[in-house]
Amino acid sequence: MNIKQKIASAAIIGGLAVSVLAPASSFAAENNVKIKNNGKDSENKAKIVDNKKVKVNQSNTIVVTNAIGTISNTGGNKVKGNSGKGNATTTTGNVTNNITVTVEGNTNTADVPCLCEEDDSTNNAVIKDNREDSNNKAKIKNNNTVKVTQSSVSIVTNLIGTASNTGANSVKDNTGKGDKTVDTGNVNNTIDVTVEGSTNTL
């Protein structure tokens, strides 16, 4: 009787929340604002809004329930009540039970690219040489948001049972000459169950 059971817990490169808010200097985009040579009492406003956000949420759940049972019986063989000459032989057969259960857990893998790979531009805003009492505004806004959400749920329930019986063989109340023999046959049971969990990859 061989019973092999392998349950690999979820290989989680996840179960995490990652939030990245990086300054503009860490990305390839370049923002330049210049205010110069404007007139008297002029009002000049320059604003830079640069938001880079990366958010990753990964969740993994695996529930495994295995109930494995095997019953082997080569029989209740009997040679009974022998009298007189003769051979009485009882030979039971072989019983082999093989059960193999393999359950692999879930896997979450997230490889989020850098936002700078997608943004190598240069933004220039210039406020200059305006007359007095002028009202001047310049605004540069760069927003990049990457949001990744991965979720894997695997629920595995295995109920496995094998029953082997070569019979309740009986040679009973034997008299006189002759061979009294009980020979049972072979029984082989093999159960192989493999369950693969889901995988999320970016």
N, C-alpha and C. Protein backbone atom coordinates (compact mmCIF):
# COMPACT_ATOMS: atom_id res chain seq x y z
N MET A 1 0.84 -1.19 0.00
CA MET A 1 0.00 0.00 0.00
C MET A 1 0.88 1.24 0.00
N ASN A 2 0.74 2.04 -1.00
CA ASN A 2 1.51 3.28 -1.11
C ASN A 2 0.56 4.46 -1.22
N ILE A 3 0.70 5.39 -0.30
CA ILE A 3 -0.11 6.61 -0.34
C ILE A 3 0.83 7.80 -0.33
N LYS A 4 0.80 8.57 -1.39
CA LYS A 4 1.63 9.76 -1.50
C LYS A 4 0.72 10.97 -1.62
N GLN A 5 0.98 11.92 -0.78
CA GLN A 5 0.15 13.13 -0.79
C GLN A 5 1.04 14.34 -0.75
N LYS A 6 0.95 15.19 -1.76
CA LYS A 6 1.72 16.41 -1.84
C LYS A 6 0.78 17.59 -1.97
N ILE A 7 0.82 18.46 -1.00
CA ILE A 7 0.01 19.67 -1.05
C ILE A 7 0.96 20.85 -0.91
N ALA A 8 1.19 21.52 -1.99
CA ALA A 8 2.07 22.68 -1.97
C ALA A 8 1.25 23.91 -1.64
N SER A 9 1.63 24.58 -0.60
CA SER A 9 0.92 25.80 -0.24
C SER A 9 1.13 26.85 -1.32
N ALA A 10 0.22 27.78 -1.34
CA ALA A 10 0.24 28.77 -2.42
C ALA A 10 1.56 29.52 -2.45
N ALA A 11 2.21 29.47 -3.60
CA ALA A 11 3.43 30.24 -3.78
C ALA A 11 3.02 31.65 -4.17
N ILE A 12 2.99 32.48 -3.20
CA ILE A 12 2.42 33.81 -3.39
C ILE A 12 3.54 34.83 -3.48
N ILE A 13 3.72 35.33 -4.70
CA ILE A 13 4.51 36.55 -4.81
C ILE A 13 3.47 37.65 -4.81
N GLY A 14 2.85 37.84 -3.69
CA GLY A 14 1.70 38.70 -3.63
C GLY A 14 1.21 38.78 -2.21
N GLY A 15 -0.14 38.87 -2.05
CA GLY A 15 -0.67 39.14 -0.76
C GLY A 15 -0.14 40.47 -0.25
N LEU A 16 0.08 41.38 -1.16
CA LEU A 16 0.70 42.64 -0.79
C LEU A 16 -0.01 43.80 -1.44
N ALA A 17 0.23 44.95 -0.88
CA ALA A 17 -0.25 46.19 -1.49
C ALA A 17 0.94 47.12 -1.61
N VAL A 18 1.19 47.58 -2.79
CA VAL A 18 2.34 48.45 -3.04
C VAL A 18 1.84 49.77 -3.59
N SER A 19 2.23 50.82 -2.97
CA SER A 19 1.88 52.15 -3.46
C SER A 19 3.16 52.96 -3.60
N VAL A 20 3.36 53.53 -4.76
CA VAL A 20 4.56 54.31 -5.03
C VAL A 20 4.14 55.70 -5.49
N LEU A 21 4.60 56.70 -4.80
CA LEU A 21 4.40 58.08 -5.23
C LEU A 21 5.79 58.68 -5.38
N ALA A 22 6.23 58.81 -6.61
CA ALA A 22 7.60 59.21 -6.88
C ALA A 22 7.65 60.67 -7.30
N PRO A 23 8.71 61.35 -6.94
CA PRO A 23 8.87 62.74 -7.40
C PRO A 23 9.16 62.80 -8.88
N ALA A 24 9.01 64.00 -9.42
CA ALA A 24 9.19 64.15 -10.86
C ALA A 24 10.60 63.84 -11.29
N SER A 25 11.57 64.04 -10.41
CA SER A 25 12.97 63.82 -10.79
C SER A 25 13.29 62.37 -11.05
N SER A 26 12.45 61.47 -10.53
CA SER A 26 12.74 60.05 -10.72
C SER A 26 12.21 59.51 -12.03
N PHE A 27 11.48 60.31 -12.78
CA PHE A 27 10.94 59.89 -14.05
C PHE A 27 11.59 60.71 -15.17
N ALA A 28 11.42 60.19 -16.36
CA ALA A 28 12.14 60.80 -17.48
C ALA A 28 11.55 62.13 -17.91
N ALA A 29 10.27 62.37 -17.59
CA ALA A 29 9.66 63.63 -18.01
C ALA A 29 10.33 64.80 -17.30
N GLU A 30 10.62 65.89 -18.04
CA GLU A 30 11.28 67.07 -17.48
C GLU A 30 10.35 68.26 -17.63
N ASN A 31 10.12 68.93 -16.52
CA ASN A 31 9.23 70.08 -16.51
C ASN A 31 10.02 71.34 -16.16
N ASN A 32 9.93 72.33 -17.02
CA ASN A 32 10.67 73.58 -16.82
C ASN A 32 9.71 74.77 -16.88
N VAL A 33 9.80 75.62 -15.87
CA VAL A 33 8.98 76.83 -15.82
C VAL A 33 9.90 78.02 -15.61
N LYS A 34 9.74 79.05 -16.44
CA LYS A 34 10.56 80.27 -16.33
C LYS A 34 9.64 81.49 -16.26
N ILE A 35 9.91 82.34 -15.28
CA ILE A 35 9.19 83.61 -15.15
C ILE A 35 10.24 84.72 -15.06
N LYS A 36 10.23 85.62 -16.04
CA LYS A 36 11.24 86.68 -16.02
C LYS A 36 10.80 87.87 -16.87
N ASN A 37 11.38 89.01 -16.52
CA ASN A 37 11.23 90.24 -17.32
C ASN A 37 9.78 90.64 -17.53
N ASN A 38 8.97 90.52 -16.49
CA ASN A 38 7.59 90.94 -16.61
C ASN A 38 7.41 92.35 -16.05
N GLY A 39 6.31 92.99 -16.44
CA GLY A 39 6.10 94.38 -16.09
C GLY A 39 5.77 94.60 -14.62
N LYS A 40 5.71 95.88 -14.28
CA LYS A 40 5.42 96.28 -12.91
C LYS A 40 4.02 95.83 -12.50
N ASP A 41 3.93 95.40 -11.24
CA ASP A 41 2.67 94.97 -10.65
C ASP A 41 1.99 93.84 -11.43
N SER A 42 2.77 93.13 -12.19
CA SER A 42 2.19 91.97 -12.89
C SER A 42 2.06 90.79 -11.92
N GLU A 43 1.06 89.98 -12.16
CA GLU A 43 0.82 88.80 -11.34
C GLU A 43 1.10 87.55 -12.18
N ASN A 44 2.05 86.77 -11.73
CA ASN A 44 2.50 85.61 -12.49
C ASN A 44 2.41 84.35 -11.62
N LYS A 45 1.79 83.34 -12.17
CA LYS A 45 1.61 82.08 -11.44
C LYS A 45 2.09 80.93 -12.31
N ALA A 46 2.88 80.08 -11.70
CA ALA A 46 3.34 78.86 -12.39
C ALA A 46 3.09 77.68 -11.46
N LYS A 47 2.52 76.65 -12.02
CA LYS A 47 2.17 75.48 -11.22
C LYS A 47 2.56 74.20 -11.94
N ILE A 48 3.20 73.31 -11.21
CA ILE A 48 3.57 72.00 -11.75
C ILE A 48 2.88 70.93 -10.91
N VAL A 49 2.13 70.11 -11.57
CA VAL A 49 1.49 68.97 -10.89
C VAL A 49 2.00 67.70 -11.58
N ASP A 50 2.75 66.92 -10.87
CA ASP A 50 3.33 65.70 -11.45
C ASP A 50 3.06 64.54 -10.51
N ASN A 51 2.12 63.69 -10.86
CA ASN A 51 1.73 62.56 -10.03
C ASN A 51 2.08 61.25 -10.71
N LYS A 52 2.86 60.45 -10.07
CA LYS A 52 3.20 59.12 -10.56
C LYS A 52 2.78 58.11 -9.50
N LYS A 53 1.85 57.27 -9.81
CA LYS A 53 1.34 56.31 -8.84
C LYS A 53 1.37 54.90 -9.40
N VAL A 54 1.85 53.99 -8.62
CA VAL A 54 1.81 52.57 -8.96
C VAL A 54 1.21 51.83 -7.77
N LYS A 55 0.14 51.13 -7.99
CA LYS A 55 -0.54 50.41 -6.91
C LYS A 55 -0.78 48.97 -7.34
N VAL A 56 -0.32 48.03 -6.53
CA VAL A 56 -0.46 46.60 -6.83
C VAL A 56 -1.15 45.91 -5.66
N ASN A 57 -2.23 45.23 -5.92
CA ASN A 57 -2.94 44.42 -4.91
C ASN A 57 -3.00 42.98 -5.38
N GLN A 58 -2.45 42.09 -4.61
CA GLN A 58 -2.48 40.66 -4.93
C GLN A 58 -3.05 39.88 -3.75
N SER A 59 -3.91 38.94 -4.06
CA SER A 59 -4.53 38.15 -3.00
C SER A 59 -4.61 36.69 -3.44
N ASN A 60 -4.34 35.78 -2.52
CA ASN A 60 -4.32 34.37 -2.83
C ASN A 60 -5.02 33.57 -1.73
N THR A 61 -5.91 32.70 -2.10
CA THR A 61 -6.60 31.85 -1.14
C THR A 61 -6.67 30.43 -1.66
N ILE A 62 -6.23 29.47 -0.87
CA ILE A 62 -6.33 28.07 -1.28
C ILE A 62 -6.84 27.25 -0.09
N VAL A 63 -7.86 26.46 -0.32
CA VAL A 63 -8.43 25.58 0.70
C VAL A 63 -8.43 24.17 0.16
N VAL A 64 -7.75 23.27 0.82
CA VAL A 64 -7.61 21.89 0.35
C VAL A 64 -8.15 20.94 1.41
N THR A 65 -9.04 20.05 1.02
CA THR A 65 -9.57 19.03 1.92
C THR A 65 -9.43 17.67 1.26
N ASN A 66 -8.67 16.79 1.86
CA ASN A 66 -8.47 15.45 1.32
C ASN A 66 -8.90 14.40 2.34
N ALA A 67 -9.77 13.49 1.94
CA ALA A 67 -10.14 12.34 2.76
C ALA A 67 -9.80 11.10 1.97
N ILE A 68 -8.78 10.39 2.38
CA ILE A 68 -8.25 9.25 1.63
C ILE A 68 -8.39 7.99 2.47
N GLY A 69 -9.03 6.98 1.94
CA GLY A 69 -9.16 5.73 2.67
C GLY A 69 -9.03 4.54 1.74
N THR A 70 -8.36 3.51 2.19
CA THR A 70 -8.23 2.30 1.39
C THR A 70 -8.42 1.08 2.28
N ILE A 71 -9.15 0.12 1.79
CA ILE A 71 -9.43 -1.12 2.52
C ILE A 71 -8.98 -2.30 1.66
N SER A 72 -8.13 -3.13 2.20
CA SER A 72 -7.61 -4.29 1.46
C SER A 72 -7.95 -5.58 2.22
N ASN A 73 -8.44 -6.54 1.50
CA ASN A 73 -8.80 -7.83 2.13
C ASN A 73 -8.56 -8.96 1.13
N THR A 74 -7.75 -9.88 1.50
CA THR A 74 -7.51 -11.03 0.62
C THR A 74 -8.49 -12.16 0.89
N GLY A 75 -9.54 -11.85 1.64
CA GLY A 75 -10.62 -12.80 1.81
C GLY A 75 -10.52 -13.59 3.11
N GLY A 76 -11.66 -14.10 3.53
CA GLY A 76 -11.68 -14.97 4.71
C GLY A 76 -11.61 -16.42 4.26
N ASN A 77 -10.46 -16.82 3.76
CA ASN A 77 -10.27 -18.13 3.16
C ASN A 77 -10.21 -19.22 4.23
N LYS A 78 -10.92 -20.30 3.99
CA LYS A 78 -10.97 -21.40 4.94
C LYS A 78 -10.92 -22.75 4.22
N VAL A 79 -10.14 -23.60 4.76
CA VAL A 79 -10.21 -25.03 4.38
C VAL A 79 -10.55 -25.77 5.66
N LYS A 80 -11.72 -26.35 5.71
CA LYS A 80 -12.28 -26.79 6.98
C LYS A 80 -12.76 -28.25 6.92
N GLY A 81 -12.62 -28.90 8.05
CA GLY A 81 -13.18 -30.25 8.19
C GLY A 81 -12.50 -31.29 7.32
N ASN A 82 -11.21 -31.22 7.20
CA ASN A 82 -10.49 -32.19 6.38
C ASN A 82 -10.40 -33.54 7.10
N SER A 83 -10.57 -34.59 6.36
CA SER A 83 -10.43 -35.95 6.91
C SER A 83 -9.87 -36.87 5.83
N GLY A 84 -9.16 -37.84 6.26
CA GLY A 84 -8.58 -38.77 5.29
C GLY A 84 -7.34 -38.20 4.64
N LYS A 85 -6.90 -38.85 3.64
CA LYS A 85 -5.71 -38.45 2.92
C LYS A 85 -6.01 -37.25 2.01
N GLY A 86 -4.93 -36.59 1.64
CA GLY A 86 -5.11 -35.47 0.71
C GLY A 86 -4.45 -34.20 1.23
N ASN A 87 -4.23 -33.30 0.31
CA ASN A 87 -3.61 -32.01 0.61
C ASN A 87 -4.68 -30.94 0.81
N ALA A 88 -4.44 -30.07 1.73
CA ALA A 88 -5.30 -28.90 1.94
C ALA A 88 -4.41 -27.66 1.88
N THR A 89 -4.62 -26.81 0.93
CA THR A 89 -3.75 -25.64 0.70
C THR A 89 -4.58 -24.38 0.55
N THR A 90 -4.17 -23.35 1.21
CA THR A 90 -4.81 -22.05 1.06
C THR A 90 -3.74 -21.04 0.65
N THR A 91 -3.91 -20.41 -0.48
CA THR A 91 -2.97 -19.39 -0.97
C THR A 91 -3.76 -18.11 -1.28
N THR A 92 -3.44 -17.07 -0.59
CA THR A 92 -4.15 -15.81 -0.82
C THR A 92 -3.40 -14.97 -1.85
N GLY A 93 -4.16 -14.19 -2.57
CA GLY A 93 -3.56 -13.35 -3.60
C GLY A 93 -2.98 -12.05 -3.03
N ASN A 94 -2.33 -11.32 -3.89
CA ASN A 94 -1.73 -10.05 -3.52
C ASN A 94 -2.72 -8.91 -3.71
N VAL A 95 -2.68 -7.96 -2.83
CA VAL A 95 -3.49 -6.75 -2.94
C VAL A 95 -2.56 -5.55 -2.93
N THR A 96 -2.64 -4.68 -3.94
CA THR A 96 -1.79 -3.50 -4.04
C THR A 96 -2.66 -2.26 -4.22
N ASN A 97 -2.49 -1.30 -3.36
CA ASN A 97 -3.22 -0.04 -3.45
C ASN A 97 -2.23 1.11 -3.59
N ASN A 98 -2.37 1.89 -4.64
CA ASN A 98 -1.53 3.06 -4.87
C ASN A 98 -2.41 4.30 -4.99
N ILE A 99 -2.21 5.24 -4.11
CA ILE A 99 -2.97 6.49 -4.16
C ILE A 99 -1.97 7.64 -4.15
N THR A 100 -2.05 8.50 -5.14
CA THR A 100 -1.17 9.67 -5.23
C THR A 100 -2.01 10.92 -5.44
N VAL A 101 -1.89 11.86 -4.55
CA VAL A 101 -2.63 13.12 -4.64
C VAL A 101 -1.64 14.28 -4.66
N THR A 102 -1.72 15.12 -5.66
CA THR A 102 -0.83 16.29 -5.77
C THR A 102 -1.67 17.54 -5.97
N VAL A 103 -1.54 18.48 -5.10
CA VAL A 103 -2.25 19.76 -5.21
C VAL A 103 -1.23 20.88 -5.18
N GLU A 104 -1.17 21.65 -6.23
CA GLU A 104 -0.25 22.79 -6.31
C GLU A 104 -1.00 24.07 -6.00
N GLY A 105 -0.41 24.91 -5.19
CA GLY A 105 -1.05 26.15 -4.79
C GLY A 105 -1.02 27.20 -5.88
N ASN A 106 -1.70 28.29 -5.62
CA ASN A 106 -1.79 29.40 -6.58
C ASN A 106 -0.50 30.20 -6.64
N THR A 107 -0.34 30.92 -7.70
CA THR A 107 0.84 31.77 -7.87
C THR A 107 0.43 33.12 -8.45
N ASN A 108 0.79 34.18 -7.78
CA ASN A 108 0.61 35.53 -8.30
C ASN A 108 1.97 36.17 -8.54
N THR A 109 2.19 36.65 -9.74
CA THR A 109 3.45 37.31 -10.08
C THR A 109 3.14 38.62 -10.77
N ALA A 110 3.66 39.70 -10.25
CA ALA A 110 3.42 41.02 -10.84
C ALA A 110 4.76 41.69 -11.12
N ASP A 111 4.96 42.07 -12.36
CA ASP A 111 6.15 42.82 -12.76
C ASP A 111 5.66 44.12 -13.39
N VAL A 112 5.65 45.15 -12.59
CA VAL A 112 5.10 46.43 -13.04
C VAL A 112 6.21 47.27 -13.66
N PRO A 113 6.07 47.68 -14.89
CA PRO A 113 7.13 48.47 -15.54
C PRO A 113 7.24 49.86 -14.95
N CYS A 114 8.42 50.42 -15.07
CA CYS A 114 8.64 51.78 -14.60
C CYS A 114 7.91 52.76 -15.52
N LEU A 115 7.28 53.73 -14.92
CA LEU A 115 6.54 54.71 -15.71
C LEU A 115 7.47 55.58 -16.56
N CYS A 116 8.73 55.67 -16.14
CA CYS A 116 9.65 56.52 -16.89
C CYS A 116 9.94 55.95 -18.27
N GLU A 117 9.72 54.66 -18.45
CA GLU A 117 9.97 54.06 -19.76
C GLU A 117 9.00 54.57 -20.81
N GLU A 118 7.85 55.04 -20.34
CA GLU A 118 6.83 55.50 -21.28
C GLU A 118 6.81 57.03 -21.42
N ASP A 119 7.64 57.72 -20.63
CA ASP A 119 7.55 59.18 -20.62
C ASP A 119 8.95 59.77 -20.64
N ASP A 120 9.37 60.24 -21.80
CA ASP A 120 10.69 60.86 -21.90
C ASP A 120 10.58 62.27 -22.50
N SER A 121 9.41 62.88 -22.32
CA SER A 121 9.17 64.19 -22.92
C SER A 121 9.71 65.31 -22.03
N THR A 122 9.79 66.49 -22.60
CA THR A 122 10.21 67.69 -21.88
C THR A 122 9.13 68.75 -22.05
N ASN A 123 8.67 69.30 -20.94
CA ASN A 123 7.63 70.31 -20.95
C ASN A 123 8.21 71.64 -20.49
N ASN A 124 8.02 72.66 -21.29
CA ASN A 124 8.54 73.99 -20.97
C ASN A 124 7.40 75.01 -20.93
N ALA A 125 7.39 75.78 -19.86
CA ALA A 125 6.43 76.89 -19.75
C ALA A 125 7.22 78.17 -19.42
N VAL A 126 7.01 79.20 -20.22
CA VAL A 126 7.77 80.45 -20.07
C VAL A 126 6.79 81.61 -19.95
N ILE A 127 6.96 82.41 -18.89
CA ILE A 127 6.20 83.65 -18.73
C ILE A 127 7.22 84.79 -18.68
N LYS A 128 7.24 85.61 -19.70
CA LYS A 128 8.24 86.68 -19.74
C LYS A 128 7.76 87.83 -20.63
N ASP A 129 8.41 89.00 -20.38
CA ASP A 129 8.22 90.17 -21.22
C ASP A 129 6.76 90.60 -21.32
N ASN A 130 6.02 90.48 -20.23
CA ASN A 130 4.63 90.93 -20.22
C ASN A 130 4.53 92.35 -19.64
N ARG A 131 3.48 93.02 -20.00
CA ARG A 131 3.33 94.41 -19.59
C ARG A 131 2.96 94.50 -18.12
N GLU A 132 2.95 95.72 -17.62
CA GLU A 132 2.61 95.92 -16.22
C GLU A 132 1.13 95.66 -15.98
N ASP A 133 0.86 95.29 -14.73
CA ASP A 133 -0.51 94.96 -14.29
C ASP A 133 -1.10 93.79 -15.07
N SER A 134 -0.27 93.00 -15.66
CA SER A 134 -0.78 91.82 -16.39
C SER A 134 -0.95 90.64 -15.43
N ASN A 135 -1.80 89.75 -15.83
CA ASN A 135 -2.09 88.54 -15.04
C ASN A 135 -1.72 87.34 -15.90
N ASN A 136 -0.72 86.58 -15.49
CA ASN A 136 -0.17 85.50 -16.31
C ASN A 136 -0.14 84.20 -15.51
N LYS A 137 -0.56 83.14 -16.15
CA LYS A 137 -0.58 81.83 -15.50
C LYS A 137 0.01 80.77 -16.43
N ALA A 138 0.76 79.86 -15.83
CA ALA A 138 1.30 78.72 -16.57
C ALA A 138 1.16 77.47 -15.70
N LYS A 139 0.69 76.39 -16.31
CA LYS A 139 0.46 75.16 -15.56
C LYS A 139 0.90 73.95 -16.38
N ILE A 140 1.67 73.11 -15.74
CA ILE A 140 2.10 71.84 -16.36
C ILE A 140 1.60 70.70 -15.49
N LYS A 141 0.93 69.78 -16.08
CA LYS A 141 0.35 68.67 -15.32
C LYS A 141 0.66 67.35 -16.00
N ASN A 142 1.33 66.48 -15.29
CA ASN A 142 1.63 65.13 -15.80
C ASN A 142 1.11 64.11 -14.81
N ASN A 143 0.24 63.25 -15.25
CA ASN A 143 -0.34 62.21 -14.39
C ASN A 143 -0.20 60.84 -15.05
N ASN A 144 0.43 59.94 -14.36
CA ASN A 144 0.52 58.54 -14.80
C ASN A 144 0.11 57.64 -13.65
N THR A 145 -0.82 56.77 -13.89
CA THR A 145 -1.32 55.87 -12.84
C THR A 145 -1.37 54.44 -13.37
N VAL A 146 -0.77 53.55 -12.65
CA VAL A 146 -0.81 52.13 -12.98
C VAL A 146 -1.41 51.39 -11.79
N LYS A 147 -2.47 50.67 -12.01
CA LYS A 147 -3.14 49.94 -10.93
C LYS A 147 -3.31 48.48 -11.35
N VAL A 148 -2.80 47.58 -10.56
CA VAL A 148 -2.85 46.15 -10.85
C VAL A 148 -3.56 45.43 -9.71
N THR A 149 -4.57 44.66 -10.02
CA THR A 149 -5.27 43.87 -9.02
C THR A 149 -5.36 42.42 -9.48
N GLN A 150 -4.83 41.52 -8.69
CA GLN A 150 -4.86 40.10 -9.02
C GLN A 150 -5.45 39.32 -7.85
N SER A 151 -6.27 38.35 -8.16
CA SER A 151 -6.87 37.54 -7.11
C SER A 151 -7.05 36.11 -7.62
N SER A 152 -6.64 35.15 -6.81
CA SER A 152 -6.77 33.73 -7.17
C SER A 152 -7.37 32.97 -5.99
N VAL A 153 -8.41 32.23 -6.25
CA VAL A 153 -9.05 31.42 -5.22
C VAL A 153 -9.17 29.99 -5.74
N SER A 154 -8.61 29.05 -5.01
CA SER A 154 -8.71 27.64 -5.38
C SER A 154 -9.25 26.85 -4.20
N ILE A 155 -10.33 26.16 -4.40
CA ILE A 155 -10.92 25.30 -3.37
C ILE A 155 -10.94 23.89 -3.92
N VAL A 156 -10.20 23.00 -3.30
CA VAL A 156 -10.05 21.63 -3.79
C VAL A 156 -10.56 20.66 -2.74
N THR A 157 -11.47 19.81 -3.11
CA THR A 157 -11.99 18.80 -2.21
C THR A 157 -11.88 17.44 -2.87
N ASN A 158 -11.13 16.53 -2.28
CA ASN A 158 -10.95 15.19 -2.82
C ASN A 158 -11.43 14.15 -1.81
N LEU A 159 -12.35 13.33 -2.21
CA LEU A 159 -12.78 12.19 -1.41
C LEU A 159 -12.43 10.93 -2.20
N ILE A 160 -11.42 10.21 -1.76
CA ILE A 160 -10.87 9.09 -2.51
C ILE A 160 -10.95 7.83 -1.67
N GLY A 161 -11.53 6.79 -2.22
CA GLY A 161 -11.61 5.54 -1.47
C GLY A 161 -11.44 4.33 -2.37
N THR A 162 -10.71 3.35 -1.92
CA THR A 162 -10.53 2.10 -2.64
C THR A 162 -10.87 0.93 -1.72
N ALA A 163 -11.51 -0.06 -2.26
CA ALA A 163 -11.85 -1.27 -1.50
C ALA A 163 -11.48 -2.49 -2.33
N SER A 164 -10.69 -3.36 -1.76
CA SER A 164 -10.23 -4.56 -2.47
C SER A 164 -10.56 -5.80 -1.65
N ASN A 165 -11.14 -6.77 -2.31
CA ASN A 165 -11.51 -8.02 -1.64
C ASN A 165 -11.39 -9.18 -2.62
N THR A 166 -10.62 -10.17 -2.25
CA THR A 166 -10.47 -11.35 -3.11
C THR A 166 -11.45 -12.46 -2.73
N GLY A 167 -12.42 -12.10 -1.92
CA GLY A 167 -13.51 -13.02 -1.66
C GLY A 167 -13.41 -13.74 -0.32
N ALA A 168 -14.57 -14.15 0.15
CA ALA A 168 -14.62 -14.96 1.38
C ALA A 168 -14.67 -16.42 0.95
N ASN A 169 -13.56 -16.89 0.45
CA ASN A 169 -13.47 -18.23 -0.11
C ASN A 169 -13.44 -19.29 0.98
N SER A 170 -14.10 -20.37 0.73
CA SER A 170 -14.16 -21.43 1.74
C SER A 170 -14.26 -22.80 1.08
N VAL A 171 -13.44 -23.70 1.52
CA VAL A 171 -13.58 -25.13 1.17
C VAL A 171 -13.92 -25.83 2.48
N LYS A 172 -15.10 -26.35 2.56
CA LYS A 172 -15.67 -26.72 3.86
C LYS A 172 -16.09 -28.19 3.89
N ASP A 173 -15.93 -28.73 5.08
CA ASP A 173 -16.39 -30.11 5.35
C ASP A 173 -15.78 -31.09 4.35
N ASN A 174 -14.48 -31.11 4.28
CA ASN A 174 -13.76 -31.97 3.35
C ASN A 174 -13.61 -33.39 3.92
N THR A 175 -13.85 -34.38 3.10
CA THR A 175 -13.65 -35.78 3.47
C THR A 175 -13.02 -36.52 2.31
N GLY A 176 -12.31 -37.55 2.63
CA GLY A 176 -11.76 -38.40 1.59
C GLY A 176 -10.52 -37.83 0.95
N LYS A 177 -10.17 -38.46 -0.13
CA LYS A 177 -8.96 -38.09 -0.83
C LYS A 177 -9.18 -36.83 -1.67
N GLY A 178 -8.05 -36.29 -2.13
CA GLY A 178 -8.13 -35.14 -3.04
C GLY A 178 -7.50 -33.89 -2.45
N ASP A 179 -7.22 -32.95 -3.33
CA ASP A 179 -6.63 -31.67 -2.92
C ASP A 179 -7.73 -30.69 -2.55
N LYS A 180 -7.52 -30.06 -1.47
CA LYS A 180 -8.42 -28.99 -1.03
C LYS A 180 -7.63 -27.68 -1.13
N THR A 181 -7.91 -26.89 -2.10
CA THR A 181 -7.08 -25.71 -2.38
C THR A 181 -7.95 -24.47 -2.59
N VAL A 182 -7.56 -23.42 -1.98
CA VAL A 182 -8.17 -22.11 -2.22
C VAL A 182 -7.07 -21.16 -2.70
N ASP A 183 -7.20 -20.66 -3.88
CA ASP A 183 -6.21 -19.74 -4.44
C ASP A 183 -6.93 -18.48 -4.91
N THR A 184 -6.71 -17.37 -4.25
CA THR A 184 -7.39 -16.12 -4.61
C THR A 184 -6.57 -15.33 -5.62
N GLY A 185 -7.26 -14.54 -6.40
CA GLY A 185 -6.59 -13.76 -7.43
C GLY A 185 -5.97 -12.48 -6.89
N ASN A 186 -5.27 -11.77 -7.77
CA ASN A 186 -4.59 -10.52 -7.42
C ASN A 186 -5.52 -9.33 -7.63
N VAL A 187 -5.39 -8.36 -6.80
CA VAL A 187 -6.17 -7.12 -6.90
C VAL A 187 -5.21 -5.94 -6.90
N ASN A 188 -5.30 -5.08 -7.89
CA ASN A 188 -4.47 -3.88 -7.98
C ASN A 188 -5.36 -2.65 -8.12
N ASN A 189 -5.17 -1.69 -7.25
CA ASN A 189 -5.92 -0.42 -7.30
C ASN A 189 -4.95 0.76 -7.38
N THR A 190 -5.16 1.62 -8.34
CA THR A 190 -4.30 2.80 -8.49
C THR A 190 -5.17 4.04 -8.72
N ILE A 191 -4.96 5.04 -7.91
CA ILE A 191 -5.69 6.31 -8.05
C ILE A 191 -4.67 7.44 -8.07
N ASP A 192 -4.71 8.25 -9.09
CA ASP A 192 -3.78 9.38 -9.22
C ASP A 192 -4.58 10.64 -9.49
N VAL A 193 -4.51 11.59 -8.59
CA VAL A 193 -5.25 12.84 -8.71
C VAL A 193 -4.29 14.02 -8.70
N THR A 194 -4.36 14.89 -9.69
CA THR A 194 -3.50 16.07 -9.76
C THR A 194 -4.38 17.30 -9.97
N VAL A 195 -4.24 18.28 -9.11
CA VAL A 195 -5.01 19.52 -9.21
C VAL A 195 -4.03 20.68 -9.29
N GLU A 196 -4.12 21.47 -10.35
CA GLU A 196 -3.27 22.63 -10.53
C GLU A 196 -4.05 23.90 -10.23
N GLY A 197 -3.53 24.73 -9.37
CA GLY A 197 -4.17 25.99 -9.05
C GLY A 197 -4.01 27.02 -10.16
N SER A 198 -4.79 28.07 -10.08
CA SER A 198 -4.73 29.12 -11.11
C SER A 198 -3.49 29.98 -10.92
N THR A 199 -3.08 30.66 -11.98
CA THR A 199 -1.89 31.49 -11.97
C THR A 199 -2.19 32.84 -12.60
N ASN A 200 -1.80 33.90 -11.95
CA ASN A 200 -1.93 35.26 -12.48
C ASN A 200 -0.55 35.85 -12.69
N THR A 201 -0.28 36.28 -13.89
CA THR A 201 1.03 36.84 -14.21
C THR A 201 0.88 38.10 -15.04
N LEU A 202 1.63 39.11 -14.68
CA LEU A 202 1.65 40.35 -15.47
C LEU A 202 3.04 40.56 -16.01
